[in-house]
Amino acid sequence: MALDSTDLNICQHAFDAILLKLNIARNTEDAEKIAAMVIELYRQGVHDENQLVKLVGVK
């Protein structure tokens, strides 16, 4: 499933919020793992930005 600009925008906002919440820099391996998790959850049907943050941002 290809993501359109709206989908990517939601994922980007969730990703940014998670990095901020967990104090993780963008150019790290942890950030790459978080990005992959956000995209995977989105593809599985989690389309709410806040829900993505809650599911991925738990440490």
C-alpha atoms as a PDB file:
ATOM      1  CA  MET A   1       0.000   0.000   0.000  1.00  0.00           C
ATOM      2  CA  ALA A   2       1.489   3.300  -1.085  1.00  0.00           C
ATOM      3  CA  LEU A   3       1.155   6.195   1.324  1.00  0.00           C
ATOM      4  CA  ASP A   4      -0.051   9.539   0.007  1.00  0.00           C
ATOM      5  CA  SER A   5       0.940  12.966   1.292  1.00  0.00           C
ATOM      6  CA  THR A   6      -1.809  12.968   3.937  1.00  0.00           C
ATOM      7  CA  ASP A   7      -0.669   9.582   5.231  1.00  0.00           C
ATOM      8  CA  LEU A   8       2.960  10.677   5.302  1.00  0.00           C
ATOM      9  CA  ASN A   9       2.037  13.891   7.100  1.00  0.00           C
ATOM     10  CA  ILE A  10       0.308  11.948   9.889  1.00  0.00           C
ATOM     11  CA  CYS A  11       3.277   9.584  10.189  1.00  0.00           C
ATOM     12  CA  GLN A  12       5.741  12.494  10.215  1.00  0.00           C
ATOM     13  CA  HIS A  13       3.883  14.314  13.001  1.00  0.00           C
ATOM     14  CA  ALA A  14       3.707  11.133  15.079  1.00  0.00           C
ATOM     15  CA  PHE A  15       7.403  10.419  14.435  1.00  0.00           C
ATOM     16  CA  ASP A  16       8.414  13.950  15.466  1.00  0.00           C
ATOM     17  CA  ALA A  17       6.295  13.761  18.635  1.00  0.00           C
ATOM     18  CA  ILE A  18       7.791  10.404  19.614  1.00  0.00           C
ATOM     19  CA  LEU A  19      11.354  11.627  19.108  1.00  0.00           C
ATOM     20  CA  LEU A  20      10.613  14.684  21.218  1.00  0.00           C
ATOM     21  CA  LYS A  21       8.910  12.621  23.931  1.00  0.00           C
ATOM     22  CA  LEU A  22      11.797  10.140  24.132  1.00  0.00           C
ATOM     23  CA  ASN A  23      14.542  12.743  23.530  1.00  0.00           C
ATOM     24  CA  ILE A  24      15.949  10.869  20.529  1.00  0.00           C
ATOM     25  CA  ALA A  25      17.908  12.567  17.748  1.00  0.00           C
ATOM     26  CA  ARG A  26      16.666  12.136  14.153  1.00  0.00           C
ATOM     27  CA  ASN A  27      19.918  10.759  12.761  1.00  0.00           C
ATOM     28  CA  THR A  28      20.161   7.734  15.059  1.00  0.00           C
ATOM     29  CA  GLU A  29      19.454   4.046  14.715  1.00  0.00           C
ATOM     30  CA  ASP A  30      16.701   4.375  17.330  1.00  0.00           C
ATOM     31  CA  ALA A  31      14.992   7.016  15.181  1.00  0.00           C
ATOM     32  CA  GLU A  32      15.123   4.691  12.173  1.00  0.00           C
ATOM     33  CA  LYS A  33      13.496   1.917  14.207  1.00  0.00           C
ATOM     34  CA  ILE A  34      10.783   4.301  15.389  1.00  0.00           C
ATOM     35  CA  ALA A  35      10.090   5.434  11.823  1.00  0.00           C
ATOM     36  CA  ALA A  36       9.724   1.820  10.715  1.00  0.00           C
ATOM     37  CA  MET A  37       7.336   1.083  13.589  1.00  0.00           C
ATOM     38  CA  VAL A  38       5.200   4.138  12.803  1.00  0.00           C
ATOM     39  CA  ILE A  39       4.908   3.177   9.129  1.00  0.00           C
ATOM     40  CA  GLU A  40       4.149  -0.462   9.943  1.00  0.00           C
ATOM     41  CA  LEU A  41       1.411   0.440  12.431  1.00  0.00           C
ATOM     42  CA  TYR A  42      -0.043   2.917   9.950  1.00  0.00           C
ATOM     43  CA  ARG A  43      -0.154   0.243   7.266  1.00  0.00           C
ATOM     44  CA  GLN A  44      -1.860  -2.085   9.749  1.00  0.00           C
ATOM     45  CA  GLY A  45      -4.655   0.459  10.196  1.00  0.00           C
ATOM     46  CA  VAL A  46      -3.594   2.756  13.037  1.00  0.00           C
ATOM     47  CA  HIS A  47      -4.311   6.107  11.371  1.00  0.00           C
ATOM     48  CA  ASP A  48      -4.669   8.299  14.448  1.00  0.00           C
ATOM     49  CA  GLU A  49      -1.562  10.362  15.176  1.00  0.00           C
ATOM     50  CA  ASN A  50      -2.089  10.297  18.945  1.00  0.00           C
ATOM     51  CA  GLN A  51      -2.585   6.541  18.934  1.00  0.00           C
ATOM     52  CA  LEU A  52       0.632   6.073  16.956  1.00  0.00           C
ATOM     53  CA  VAL A  53       2.490   8.184  19.527  1.00  0.00           C
ATOM     54  CA  LYS A  54       1.039   6.150  22.381  1.00  0.00           C
ATOM     55  CA  LEU A  55       1.825   2.792  20.803  1.00  0.00           C
ATOM     56  CA  VAL A  56       5.360   3.577  19.659  1.00  0.00           C
ATOM     57  CA  GLY A  57       6.352   6.170  22.247  1.00  0.00           C
ATOM     58  CA  VAL A  58       6.237   3.801  25.196  1.00  0.00           C
ATOM     59  CA  LYS A  59       9.667   3.219  26.611  1.00  0.00           C
END
